Amino acid sequence: MANIAPPTDEHLNHAYTTNKEALLKRLSRIEGQVRGVNRMVDEEKYCIDVLTQISAINAALHKVSLGLVEDHISHCVVNAATQSLETGDPSVVAEKVSEVTTAIGRLLR
């Protein structure tokens, strides 16, 4: 598991809180799909059918990930850009861009 920094006060107000219920609903569906794959393996279902379900889970997780990236950019990066303009400090936005770039890099591994 990757080392993940503990949340700071700055991270307590997440953009996805407006979509939290939809996000949790989608994650619950994915959780159900994973349980279904577990059951399929236990029942020794046809390998290709199991792989098809795993592919669907991966696609669903990617969709959640992209939604979170979009929320982060539209909330955190945009707020950092506004703060950068107000303070004249370009490092604020550079830090957020670096943060999202690192997160995207982790998703692509």
PDB file of N, CA and C in Angstrom:
ATOM      1  N   MET A   1       0.847  -1.184   0.000  1.00  0.00           N
ATOM      2  CA  MET A   1       0.000   0.000   0.000  1.00  0.00           C
ATOM      3  C   MET A   1       0.884   1.236   0.000  1.00  0.00           C
ATOM      4  N   ALA A   2       0.512   2.226  -0.771  1.00  0.00           N
ATOM      5  CA  ALA A   2       1.284   3.455  -0.896  1.00  0.00           C
ATOM      6  C   ALA A   2       1.167   4.283   0.372  1.00  0.00           C
ATOM      7  N   ASN A   3       2.228   5.031   0.669  1.00  0.00           N
ATOM      8  CA  ASN A   3       2.176   5.954   1.792  1.00  0.00           C
ATOM      9  C   ASN A   3       1.299   7.126   1.414  1.00  0.00           C
ATOM     10  N   ILE A   4       0.304   7.359   2.240  1.00  0.00           N
ATOM     11  CA  ILE A   4      -0.620   8.460   1.982  1.00  0.00           C
ATOM     12  C   ILE A   4      -0.524   9.409   3.168  1.00  0.00           C
ATOM     13  N   ALA A   5      -0.297  10.676   2.871  1.00  0.00           N
ATOM     14  CA  ALA A   5      -0.161  11.676   3.921  1.00  0.00           C
ATOM     15  C   ALA A   5      -1.477  11.823   4.667  1.00  0.00           C
ATOM     16  N   PRO A   6      -1.393  12.042   5.984  1.00  0.00           N
ATOM     17  CA  PRO A   6      -2.630  12.257   6.742  1.00  0.00           C
ATOM     18  C   PRO A   6      -3.273  13.566   6.304  1.00  0.00           C
ATOM     19  N   PRO A   7      -4.609  13.632   6.404  1.00  0.00           N
ATOM     20  CA  PRO A   7      -5.293  14.850   5.966  1.00  0.00           C
ATOM     21  C   PRO A   7      -4.911  16.034   6.842  1.00  0.00           C
ATOM     22  N   THR A   8      -4.795  17.192   6.232  1.00  0.00           N
ATOM     23  CA  THR A   8      -4.563  18.431   6.965  1.00  0.00           C
ATOM     24  C   THR A   8      -5.877  19.181   7.041  1.00  0.00           C
ATOM     25  N   ASP A   9      -5.901  20.269   7.804  1.00  0.00           N
ATOM     26  CA  ASP A   9      -7.125  21.074   7.896  1.00  0.00           C
ATOM     27  C   ASP A   9      -7.600  21.497   6.517  1.00  0.00           C
ATOM     28  N   GLU A  10      -6.637  21.770   5.638  1.00  0.00           N
ATOM     29  CA  GLU A  10      -6.940  22.198   4.272  1.00  0.00           C
ATOM     30  C   GLU A  10      -7.729  21.130   3.514  1.00  0.00           C
ATOM     31  N   HIS A  11      -7.530  19.861   3.871  1.00  0.00           N
ATOM     32  CA  HIS A  11      -8.171  18.755   3.159  1.00  0.00           C
ATOM     33  C   HIS A  11      -9.514  18.349   3.764  1.00  0.00           C
ATOM     34  N   LEU A  12      -9.938  19.006   4.815  1.00  0.00           N
ATOM     35  CA  LEU A  12     -11.166  18.594   5.487  1.00  0.00           C
ATOM     36  C   LEU A  12     -12.430  18.969   4.726  1.00  0.00           C
ATOM     37  N   ASN A  13     -12.378  19.964   3.870  1.00  0.00           N
ATOM     38  CA  ASN A  13     -13.555  20.403   3.133  1.00  0.00           C
ATOM     39  C   ASN A  13     -13.438  19.924   1.687  1.00  0.00           C
ATOM     40  N   HIS A  14     -13.864  18.698   1.444  1.00  0.00           N
ATOM     41  CA  HIS A  14     -13.696  18.082   0.131  1.00  0.00           C
ATOM     42  C   HIS A  14     -14.802  18.478  -0.828  1.00  0.00           C
ATOM     43  N   ALA A  15     -14.433  18.569  -2.101  1.00  0.00           N
ATOM     44  CA  ALA A  15     -15.404  18.943  -3.133  1.00  0.00           C
ATOM     45  C   ALA A  15     -16.455  17.855  -3.319  1.00  0.00           C
ATOM     46  N   TYR A  16     -16.097  16.597  -3.091  1.00  0.00           N
ATOM     47  CA  TYR A  16     -17.047  15.534  -3.367  1.00  0.00           C
ATOM     48  C   TYR A  16     -18.164  15.446  -2.346  1.00  0.00           C
ATOM     49  N   THR A  17     -18.108  16.261  -1.308  1.00  0.00           N
ATOM     50  CA  THR A  17     -19.186  16.194  -0.323  1.00  0.00           C
ATOM     51  C   THR A  17     -20.536  16.529  -0.944  1.00  0.00           C
ATOM     52  N   THR A  18     -20.558  17.311  -2.027  1.00  0.00           N
ATOM     53  CA  THR A  18     -21.829  17.604  -2.689  1.00  0.00           C
ATOM     54  C   THR A  18     -22.349  16.384  -3.446  1.00  0.00           C
ATOM     55  N   ASN A  19     -21.456  15.481  -3.842  1.00  0.00           N
ATOM     56  CA  ASN A  19     -21.828  14.259  -4.561  1.00  0.00           C
ATOM     57  C   ASN A  19     -21.655  13.027  -3.681  1.00  0.00           C
ATOM     58  N   LYS A  20     -21.529  13.235  -2.399  1.00  0.00           N
ATOM     59  CA  LYS A  20     -21.169  12.144  -1.485  1.00  0.00           C
ATOM     60  C   LYS A  20     -22.133  10.963  -1.569  1.00  0.00           C
ATOM     61  N   GLU A  21     -23.420  11.236  -1.571  1.00  0.00           N
ATOM     62  CA  GLU A  21     -24.387  10.127  -1.596  1.00  0.00           C
ATOM     63  C   GLU A  21     -24.265   9.321  -2.885  1.00  0.00           C
ATOM     64  N   ALA A  22     -24.118   9.986  -4.015  1.00  0.00           N
ATOM     65  CA  ALA A  22     -23.964   9.284  -5.293  1.00  0.00           C
ATOM     66  C   ALA A  22     -22.666   8.491  -5.305  1.00  0.00           C
ATOM     67  N   LEU A  23     -21.613   9.074  -4.763  1.00  0.00           N
ATOM     68  CA  LEU A  23     -20.316   8.395  -4.694  1.00  0.00           C
ATOM     69  C   LEU A  23     -20.411   7.146  -3.823  1.00  0.00           C
ATOM     70  N   LEU A  24     -21.032   7.275  -2.669  1.00  0.00           N
ATOM     71  CA  LEU A  24     -21.187   6.122  -1.776  1.00  0.00           C
ATOM     72  C   LEU A  24     -22.067   5.037  -2.395  1.00  0.00           C
ATOM     73  N   LYS A  25     -23.086   5.445  -3.115  1.00  0.00           N
ATOM     74  CA  LYS A  25     -23.970   4.488  -3.783  1.00  0.00           C
ATOM     75  C   LYS A  25     -23.197   3.706  -4.847  1.00  0.00           C
ATOM     76  N   ARG A  26     -22.393   4.416  -5.633  1.00  0.00           N
ATOM     77  CA  ARG A  26     -21.591   3.771  -6.673  1.00  0.00           C
ATOM     78  C   ARG A  26     -20.567   2.825  -6.048  1.00  0.00           C
ATOM     79  N   LEU A  27     -19.928   3.258  -4.958  1.00  0.00           N
ATOM     80  CA  LEU A  27     -18.951   2.398  -4.286  1.00  0.00           C
ATOM     81  C   LEU A  27     -19.617   1.162  -3.679  1.00  0.00           C
ATOM     82  N   SER A  28     -20.826   1.317  -3.193  1.00  0.00           N
ATOM     83  CA  SER A  28     -21.565   0.153  -2.667  1.00  0.00           C
ATOM     84  C   SER A  28     -21.866  -0.846  -3.778  1.00  0.00           C
ATOM     85  N   ARG A  29     -22.202  -0.320  -4.975  1.00  0.00           N
ATOM     86  CA  ARG A  29     -22.439  -1.206  -6.122  1.00  0.00           C
ATOM     87  C   ARG A  29     -21.161  -1.958  -6.485  1.00  0.00           C
ATOM     88  N   ILE A  30     -20.042  -1.248  -6.463  1.00  0.00           N
ATOM     89  CA  ILE A  30     -18.762  -1.884  -6.777  1.00  0.00           C
ATOM     90  C   ILE A  30     -18.443  -2.946  -5.734  1.00  0.00           C
ATOM     91  N   GLU A  31     -18.709  -2.633  -4.491  1.00  0.00           N
ATOM     92  CA  GLU A  31     -18.492  -3.600  -3.414  1.00  0.00           C
ATOM     93  C   GLU A  31     -19.322  -4.864  -3.660  1.00  0.00           C
ATOM     94  N   GLY A  32     -20.557  -4.685  -4.094  1.00  0.00           N
ATOM     95  CA  GLY A  32     -21.416  -5.827  -4.420  1.00  0.00           C
ATOM     96  C   GLY A  32     -20.864  -6.625  -5.587  1.00  0.00           C
ATOM     97  N   GLN A  33     -20.313  -5.923  -6.592  1.00  0.00           N
ATOM     98  CA  GLN A  33     -19.707  -6.623  -7.730  1.00  0.00           C
ATOM     99  C   GLN A  33     -18.515  -7.462  -7.273  1.00  0.00           C
ATOM    100  N   VAL A  34     -17.716  -6.922  -6.366  1.00  0.00           N
ATOM    101  CA  VAL A  34     -16.552  -7.658  -5.862  1.00  0.00           C
ATOM    102  C   VAL A  34     -17.016  -8.898  -5.094  1.00  0.00           C
ATOM    103  N   ARG A  35     -18.043  -8.747  -4.291  1.00  0.00           N
ATOM    104  CA  ARG A  35     -18.584  -9.921  -3.582  1.00  0.00           C
ATOM    105  C   ARG A  35     -19.087 -10.960  -4.582  1.00  0.00           C
ATOM    106  N   GLY A  36     -19.687 -10.482  -5.682  1.00  0.00           N
ATOM    107  CA  GLY A  36     -20.158 -11.393  -6.721  1.00  0.00           C
ATOM    108  C   GLY A  36     -19.009 -12.163  -7.364  1.00  0.00           C
ATOM    109  N   VAL A  37     -17.901 -11.486  -7.620  1.00  0.00           N
ATOM    110  CA  VAL A  37     -16.730 -12.161  -8.189  1.00  0.00           C
ATOM    111  C   VAL A  37     -16.185 -13.176  -7.194  1.00  0.00           C
ATOM    112  N   ASN A  38     -16.163 -12.816  -5.930  1.00  0.00           N
ATOM    113  CA  ASN A  38     -15.717 -13.750  -4.895  1.00  0.00           C
ATOM    114  C   ASN A  38     -16.570 -15.020  -4.932  1.00  0.00           C
ATOM    115  N   ARG A  39     -17.862 -14.830  -5.047  1.00  0.00           N
ATOM    116  CA  ARG A  39     -18.798 -15.954  -5.114  1.00  0.00           C
ATOM    117  C   ARG A  39     -18.551 -16.781  -6.380  1.00  0.00           C
ATOM    118  N   MET A  40     -18.308 -16.094  -7.495  1.00  0.00           N
ATOM    119  CA  MET A  40     -18.050 -16.792  -8.759  1.00  0.00           C
ATOM    120  C   MET A  40     -16.806 -17.672  -8.651  1.00  0.00           C
ATOM    121  N   VAL A  41     -15.762 -17.133  -8.031  1.00  0.00           N
ATOM    122  CA  VAL A  41     -14.531 -17.916  -7.867  1.00  0.00           C
ATOM    123  C   VAL A  41     -14.798 -19.104  -6.944  1.00  0.00           C
ATOM    124  N   ASP A  42     -15.517 -18.850  -5.851  1.00  0.00           N
ATOM    125  CA  ASP A  42     -15.835 -19.922  -4.912  1.00  0.00           C
ATOM    126  C   ASP A  42     -16.640 -21.032  -5.596  1.00  0.00           C
ATOM    127  N   GLU A  43     -17.520 -20.644  -6.501  1.00  0.00           N
ATOM    128  CA  GLU A  43     -18.359 -21.618  -7.215  1.00  0.00           C
ATOM    129  C   GLU A  43     -17.695 -22.128  -8.489  1.00  0.00           C
ATOM    130  N   GLU A  44     -16.440 -21.710  -8.699  1.00  0.00           N
ATOM    131  CA  GLU A  44     -15.636 -22.144  -9.842  1.00  0.00           C
ATOM    132  C   GLU A  44     -16.331 -21.887 -11.179  1.00  0.00           C
ATOM    133  N   LYS A  45     -16.835 -20.664 -11.316  1.00  0.00           N
ATOM    134  CA  LYS A  45     -17.473 -20.263 -12.572  1.00  0.00           C
ATOM    135  C   LYS A  45     -16.414 -20.143 -13.672  1.00  0.00           C
ATOM    136  N   TYR A  46     -16.872 -20.094 -14.894  1.00  0.00           N
ATOM    137  CA  TYR A  46     -16.002 -20.022 -16.068  1.00  0.00           C
ATOM    138  C   TYR A  46     -15.080 -18.799 -15.962  1.00  0.00           C
ATOM    139  N   CYS A  47     -13.777 -19.022 -16.168  1.00  0.00           N
ATOM    140  CA  CYS A  47     -12.758 -17.981 -15.989  1.00  0.00           C
ATOM    141  C   CYS A  47     -13.068 -16.709 -16.774  1.00  0.00           C
ATOM    142  N   ILE A  48     -13.508 -16.851 -18.008  1.00  0.00           N
ATOM    143  CA  ILE A  48     -13.786 -15.682 -18.846  1.00  0.00           C
ATOM    144  C   ILE A  48     -14.917 -14.857 -18.254  1.00  0.00           C
ATOM    145  N   ASP A  49     -15.912 -15.499 -17.667  1.00  0.00           N
ATOM    146  CA  ASP A  49     -17.004 -14.772 -17.026  1.00  0.00           C
ATOM    147  C   ASP A  49     -16.493 -13.986 -15.812  1.00  0.00           C
ATOM    148  N   VAL A  50     -15.585 -14.595 -15.048  1.00  0.00           N
ATOM    149  CA  VAL A  50     -14.989 -13.909 -13.891  1.00  0.00           C
ATOM    150  C   VAL A  50     -14.182 -12.705 -14.374  1.00  0.00           C
ATOM    151  N   LEU A  51     -13.378 -12.910 -15.417  1.00  0.00           N
ATOM    152  CA  LEU A  51     -12.580 -11.806 -15.964  1.00  0.00           C
ATOM    153  C   LEU A  51     -13.453 -10.677 -16.495  1.00  0.00           C
ATOM    154  N   THR A  52     -14.574 -11.026 -17.076  1.00  0.00           N
ATOM    155  CA  THR A  52     -15.506 -10.008 -17.573  1.00  0.00           C
ATOM    156  C   THR A  52     -16.024  -9.159 -16.417  1.00  0.00           C
ATOM    157  N   GLN A  53     -16.343  -9.801 -15.321  1.00  0.00           N
ATOM    158  CA  GLN A  53     -16.833  -9.062 -14.151  1.00  0.00           C
ATOM    159  C   GLN A  53     -15.735  -8.198 -13.540  1.00  0.00           C
ATOM    160  N   ILE A  54     -14.509  -8.714 -13.506  1.00  0.00           N
ATOM    161  CA  ILE A  54     -13.378  -7.929 -12.994  1.00  0.00           C
ATOM    162  C   ILE A  54     -13.155  -6.702 -13.873  1.00  0.00           C
ATOM    163  N   SER A  55     -13.294  -6.876 -15.170  1.00  0.00           N
ATOM    164  CA  SER A  55     -13.161  -5.747 -16.090  1.00  0.00           C
ATOM    165  C   SER A  55     -14.230  -4.690 -15.798  1.00  0.00           C
ATOM    166  N   ALA A  56     -15.436  -5.115 -15.516  1.00  0.00           N
ATOM    167  CA  ALA A  56     -16.521  -4.183 -15.191  1.00  0.00           C
ATOM    168  C   ALA A  56     -16.222  -3.447 -13.884  1.00  0.00           C
ATOM    169  N   ILE A  57     -15.649  -4.147 -12.910  1.00  0.00           N
ATOM    170  CA  ILE A  57     -15.279  -3.519 -11.641  1.00  0.00           C
ATOM    171  C   ILE A  57     -14.194  -2.469 -11.873  1.00  0.00           C
ATOM    172  N   ASN A  58     -13.184  -2.834 -12.661  1.00  0.00           N
ATOM    173  CA  ASN A  58     -12.113  -1.880 -12.969  1.00  0.00           C
ATOM    174  C   ASN A  58     -12.665  -0.636 -13.656  1.00  0.00           C
ATOM    175  N   ALA A  59     -13.574  -0.820 -14.604  1.00  0.00           N
ATOM    176  CA  ALA A  59     -14.171   0.314 -15.307  1.00  0.00           C
ATOM    177  C   ALA A  59     -14.946   1.197 -14.330  1.00  0.00           C
ATOM    178  N   ALA A  60     -15.689   0.577 -13.419  1.00  0.00           N
ATOM    179  CA  ALA A  60     -16.460   1.338 -12.434  1.00  0.00           C
ATOM    180  C   ALA A  60     -15.529   2.113 -11.500  1.00  0.00           C
ATOM    181  N   LEU A  61     -14.434   1.492 -11.079  1.00  0.00           N
ATOM    182  CA  LEU A  61     -13.465   2.181 -10.218  1.00  0.00           C
ATOM    183  C   LEU A  61     -12.793   3.334 -10.950  1.00  0.00           C
ATOM    184  N   HIS A  62     -12.489   3.133 -12.230  1.00  0.00           N
ATOM    185  CA  HIS A  62     -11.895   4.206 -13.012  1.00  0.00           C
ATOM    186  C   HIS A  62     -12.857   5.388 -13.122  1.00  0.00           C
ATOM    187  N   LYS A  63     -14.135   5.091 -13.289  1.00  0.00           N
ATOM    188  CA  LYS A  63     -15.131   6.161 -13.392  1.00  0.00           C
ATOM    189  C   LYS A  63     -15.214   6.959 -12.088  1.00  0.00           C
ATOM    190  N   VAL A  64     -15.168   6.245 -10.961  1.00  0.00           N
ATOM    191  CA  VAL A  64     -15.160   6.920  -9.657  1.00  0.00           C
ATOM    192  C   VAL A  64     -13.898   7.769  -9.543  1.00  0.00           C
ATOM    193  N   SER A  65     -12.758   7.201  -9.914  1.00  0.00           N
ATOM    194  CA  SER A  65     -11.480   7.922  -9.831  1.00  0.00           C
ATOM    195  C   SER A  65     -11.500   9.188 -10.674  1.00  0.00           C
ATOM    196  N   LEU A  66     -11.978   9.076 -11.898  1.00  0.00           N
ATOM    197  CA  LEU A  66     -12.027  10.248 -12.772  1.00  0.00           C
ATOM    198  C   LEU A  66     -12.960  11.320 -12.218  1.00  0.00           C
ATOM    199  N   GLY A  67     -14.048  10.896 -11.634  1.00  0.00           N
ATOM    200  CA  GLY A  67     -14.964  11.851 -11.008  1.00  0.00           C
ATOM    201  C   GLY A  67     -14.299  12.587  -9.857  1.00  0.00           C
ATOM    202  N   LEU A  68     -13.524  11.856  -9.055  1.00  0.00           N
ATOM    203  CA  LEU A  68     -12.818  12.481  -7.939  1.00  0.00           C
ATOM    204  C   LEU A  68     -11.724  13.426  -8.437  1.00  0.00           C
ATOM    205  N   VAL A  69     -11.035  13.033  -9.507  1.00  0.00           N
ATOM    206  CA  VAL A  69     -10.020  13.919 -10.090  1.00  0.00           C
ATOM    207  C   VAL A  69     -10.688  15.194 -10.595  1.00  0.00           C
ATOM    208  N   GLU A  70     -11.803  15.047 -11.286  1.00  0.00           N
ATOM    209  CA  GLU A  70     -12.522  16.211 -11.807  1.00  0.00           C
ATOM    210  C   GLU A  70     -12.962  17.123 -10.664  1.00  0.00           C
ATOM    211  N   ASP A  71     -13.501  16.524  -9.599  1.00  0.00           N
ATOM    212  CA  ASP A  71     -13.926  17.318  -8.446  1.00  0.00           C
ATOM    213  C   ASP A  71     -12.736  18.049  -7.824  1.00  0.00           C
ATOM    214  N   HIS A  72     -11.599  17.355  -7.721  1.00  0.00           N
ATOM    215  CA  HIS A  72     -10.415  17.972  -7.125  1.00  0.00           C
ATOM    216  C   HIS A  72      -9.945  19.161  -7.960  1.00  0.00           C
ATOM    217  N   ILE A  73      -9.918  18.968  -9.264  1.00  0.00           N
ATOM    218  CA  ILE A  73      -9.482  20.067 -10.131  1.00  0.00           C
ATOM    219  C   ILE A  73     -10.458  21.234 -10.052  1.00  0.00           C
ATOM    220  N   SER A  74     -11.745  20.947 -10.150  1.00  0.00           N
ATOM    221  CA  SER A  74     -12.732  22.038 -10.181  1.00  0.00           C
ATOM    222  C   SER A  74     -12.883  22.724  -8.829  1.00  0.00           C
ATOM    223  N   HIS A  75     -12.504  22.056  -7.762  1.00  0.00           N
ATOM    224  CA  HIS A  75     -12.635  22.666  -6.440  1.00  0.00           C
ATOM    225  C   HIS A  75     -11.275  23.135  -5.923  1.00  0.00           C
ATOM    226  N   CYS A  76     -10.385  22.210  -5.664  1.00  0.00           N
ATOM    227  CA  CYS A  76      -9.117  22.539  -5.009  1.00  0.00           C
ATOM    228  C   CYS A  76      -8.164  23.333  -5.903  1.00  0.00           C
ATOM    229  N   VAL A  77      -8.015  22.905  -7.147  1.00  0.00           N
ATOM    230  CA  VAL A  77      -7.090  23.600  -8.043  1.00  0.00           C
ATOM    231  C   VAL A  77      -7.636  24.981  -8.397  1.00  0.00           C
ATOM    232  N   VAL A  78      -8.926  25.070  -8.659  1.00  0.00           N
ATOM    233  CA  VAL A  78      -9.528  26.374  -8.971  1.00  0.00           C
ATOM    234  C   VAL A  78      -9.425  27.312  -7.766  1.00  0.00           C
ATOM    235  N   ASN A  79      -9.684  26.790  -6.566  1.00  0.00           N
ATOM    236  CA  ASN A  79      -9.548  27.627  -5.371  1.00  0.00           C
ATOM    237  C   ASN A  79      -8.100  28.085  -5.181  1.00  0.00           C
ATOM    238  N   ALA A  80      -7.154  27.189  -5.458  1.00  0.00           N
ATOM    239  CA  ALA A  80      -5.741  27.556  -5.352  1.00  0.00           C
ATOM    240  C   ALA A  80      -5.386  28.640  -6.375  1.00  0.00           C
ATOM    241  N   ALA A  81      -5.953  28.541  -7.581  1.00  0.00           N
ATOM    242  CA  ALA A  81      -5.697  29.558  -8.603  1.00  0.00           C
ATOM    243  C   ALA A  81      -6.247  30.906  -8.153  1.00  0.00           C
ATOM    244  N   THR A  82      -7.427  30.901  -7.567  1.00  0.00           N
ATOM    245  CA  THR A  82      -8.019  32.140  -7.054  1.00  0.00           C
ATOM    246  C   THR A  82      -7.145  32.718  -5.940  1.00  0.00           C
ATOM    247  N   GLN A  83      -6.738  31.846  -5.025  1.00  0.00           N
ATOM    248  CA  GLN A  83      -5.871  32.287  -3.928  1.00  0.00           C
ATOM    249  C   GLN A  83      -4.540  32.821  -4.469  1.00  0.00           C
ATOM    250  N   SER A  84      -4.012  32.162  -5.484  1.00  0.00           N
ATOM    251  CA  SER A  84      -2.759  32.590  -6.100  1.00  0.00           C
ATOM    252  C   SER A  84      -2.894  33.992  -6.688  1.00  0.00           C
ATOM    253  N   LEU A  85      -4.017  34.228  -7.364  1.00  0.00           N
ATOM    254  CA  LEU A  85      -4.258  35.561  -7.929  1.00  0.00           C
ATOM    255  C   LEU A  85      -4.399  36.618  -6.838  1.00  0.00           C
ATOM    256  N   GLU A  86      -5.092  36.250  -5.765  1.00  0.00           N
ATOM    257  CA  GLU A  86      -5.318  37.201  -4.678  1.00  0.00           C
ATOM    258  C   GLU A  86      -4.031  37.531  -3.926  1.00  0.00           C
ATOM    259  N   THR A  87      -3.177  36.538  -3.733  1.00  0.00           N
ATOM    260  CA  THR A  87      -1.962  36.735  -2.930  1.00  0.00           C
ATOM    261  C   THR A  87      -0.733  37.038  -3.773  1.00  0.00           C
ATOM    262  N   GLY A  88      -0.810  36.755  -5.070  1.00  0.00           N
ATOM    263  CA  GLY A  88       0.362  36.926  -5.921  1.00  0.00           C
ATOM    264  C   GLY A  88       1.384  35.818  -5.746  1.00  0.00           C
ATOM    265  N   ASP A  89       0.971  34.723  -5.085  1.00  0.00           N
ATOM    266  CA  ASP A  89       1.876  33.598  -4.820  1.00  0.00           C
ATOM    267  C   ASP A  89       1.544  32.436  -5.760  1.00  0.00           C
ATOM    268  N   PRO A  90       2.314  32.258  -6.843  1.00  0.00           N
ATOM    269  CA  PRO A  90       2.024  31.190  -7.800  1.00  0.00           C
ATOM    270  C   PRO A  90       2.310  29.788  -7.256  1.00  0.00           C
ATOM    271  N   SER A  91       3.034  29.696  -6.142  1.00  0.00           N
ATOM    272  CA  SER A  91       3.362  28.371  -5.597  1.00  0.00           C
ATOM    273  C   SER A  91       2.124  27.641  -5.087  1.00  0.00           C
ATOM    274  N   VAL A  92       1.093  28.397  -4.721  1.00  0.00           N
ATOM    275  CA  VAL A  92      -0.147  27.789  -4.216  1.00  0.00           C
ATOM    276  C   VAL A  92      -0.776  26.906  -5.288  1.00  0.00           C
ATOM    277  N   VAL A  93      -0.922  27.441  -6.478  1.00  0.00           N
ATOM    278  CA  VAL A  93      -1.528  26.673  -7.563  1.00  0.00           C
ATOM    279  C   VAL A  93      -0.565  25.597  -8.058  1.00  0.00           C
ATOM    280  N   ALA A  94       0.723  25.902  -8.074  1.00  0.00           N
ATOM    281  CA  ALA A  94       1.717  24.913  -8.519  1.00  0.00           C
ATOM    282  C   ALA A  94       1.680  23.679  -7.625  1.00  0.00           C
ATOM    283  N   GLU A  95       1.494  23.890  -6.334  1.00  0.00           N
ATOM    284  CA  GLU A  95       1.423  22.772  -5.386  1.00  0.00           C
ATOM    285  C   GLU A  95       0.207  21.888  -5.672  1.00  0.00           C
ATOM    286  N   LYS A  96      -0.933  22.508  -5.940  1.00  0.00           N
ATOM    287  CA  LYS A  96      -2.156  21.738  -6.224  1.00  0.00           C
ATOM    288  C   LYS A  96      -2.055  21.002  -7.554  1.00  0.00           C
ATOM    289  N   VAL A  97      -1.460  21.628  -8.547  1.00  0.00           N
ATOM    290  CA  VAL A  97      -1.274  20.966  -9.842  1.00  0.00           C
ATOM    291  C   VAL A  97      -0.344  19.771  -9.667  1.00  0.00           C
ATOM    292  N   SER A  98       0.721  19.946  -8.901  1.00  0.00           N
ATOM    293  CA  SER A  98       1.642  18.838  -8.633  1.00  0.00           C
ATOM    294  C   SER A  98       0.929  17.708  -7.891  1.00  0.00           C
ATOM    295  N   GLU A  99       0.100  18.070  -6.940  1.00  0.00           N
ATOM    296  CA  GLU A  99      -0.651  17.093  -6.151  1.00  0.00           C
ATOM    297  C   GLU A  99      -1.569  16.250  -7.050  1.00  0.00           C
ATOM    298  N   VAL A 100      -2.310  16.909  -7.934  1.00  0.00           N
ATOM    299  CA  VAL A 100      -3.231  16.176  -8.807  1.00  0.00           C
ATOM    300  C   VAL A 100      -2.466  15.362  -9.844  1.00  0.00           C
ATOM    301  N   THR A 101      -1.341  15.893 -10.311  1.00  0.00           N
ATOM    302  CA  THR A 101      -0.516  15.147 -11.264  1.00  0.00           C
ATOM    303  C   THR A 101       0.005  13.860 -10.624  1.00  0.00           C
ATOM    304  N   THR A 102       0.439  13.949  -9.387  1.00  0.00           N
ATOM    305  CA  THR A 102       0.917  12.762  -8.656  1.00  0.00           C
ATOM    306  C   THR A 102      -0.214  11.744  -8.489  1.00  0.00           C
ATOM    307  N   ALA A 103      -1.396  12.242  -8.153  1.00  0.00           N
ATOM    308  CA  ALA A 103      -2.554  11.347  -7.976  1.00  0.00           C
ATOM    309  C   ALA A 103      -2.895  10.645  -9.278  1.00  0.00           C
ATOM    310  N   ILE A 104      -2.874  11.375 -10.389  1.00  0.00           N
ATOM    311  CA  ILE A 104      -3.162  10.778 -11.692  1.00  0.00           C
ATOM    312  C   ILE A 104      -2.100   9.738 -12.027  1.00  0.00           C
ATOM    313  N   GLY A 105      -0.854  10.041 -11.715  1.00  0.00           N
ATOM    314  CA  GLY A 105       0.225   9.077 -11.935  1.00  0.00           C
ATOM    315  C   GLY A 105      -0.023   7.775 -11.186  1.00  0.00           C
ATOM    316  N   ARG A 106      -0.506   7.886  -9.946  1.00  0.00           N
ATOM    317  CA  ARG A 106      -0.815   6.672  -9.164  1.00  0.00           C
ATOM    318  C   ARG A 106      -1.946   5.890  -9.820  1.00  0.00           C
ATOM    319  N   LEU A 107      -2.918   6.591 -10.384  1.00  0.00           N
ATOM    320  CA  LEU A 107      -4.037   5.916 -11.044  1.00  0.00           C
ATOM    321  C   LEU A 107      -3.597   5.170 -12.296  1.00  0.00           C
ATOM    322  N   LEU A 108      -2.571   5.677 -12.942  1.00  0.00           N
ATOM    323  CA  LEU A 108      -2.109   5.067 -14.200  1.00  0.00           C
ATOM    324  C   LEU A 108      -1.199   3.867 -13.987  1.00  0.00           C
ATOM    325  N   ARG A 109      -0.755   3.633 -12.778  1.00  0.00           N
ATOM    326  CA  ARG A 109       0.114   2.480 -12.503  1.00  0.00           C
ATOM    327  C   ARG A 109      -0.615   1.189 -12.601  1.00  0.00           C
TER     328      ARG A 109
END
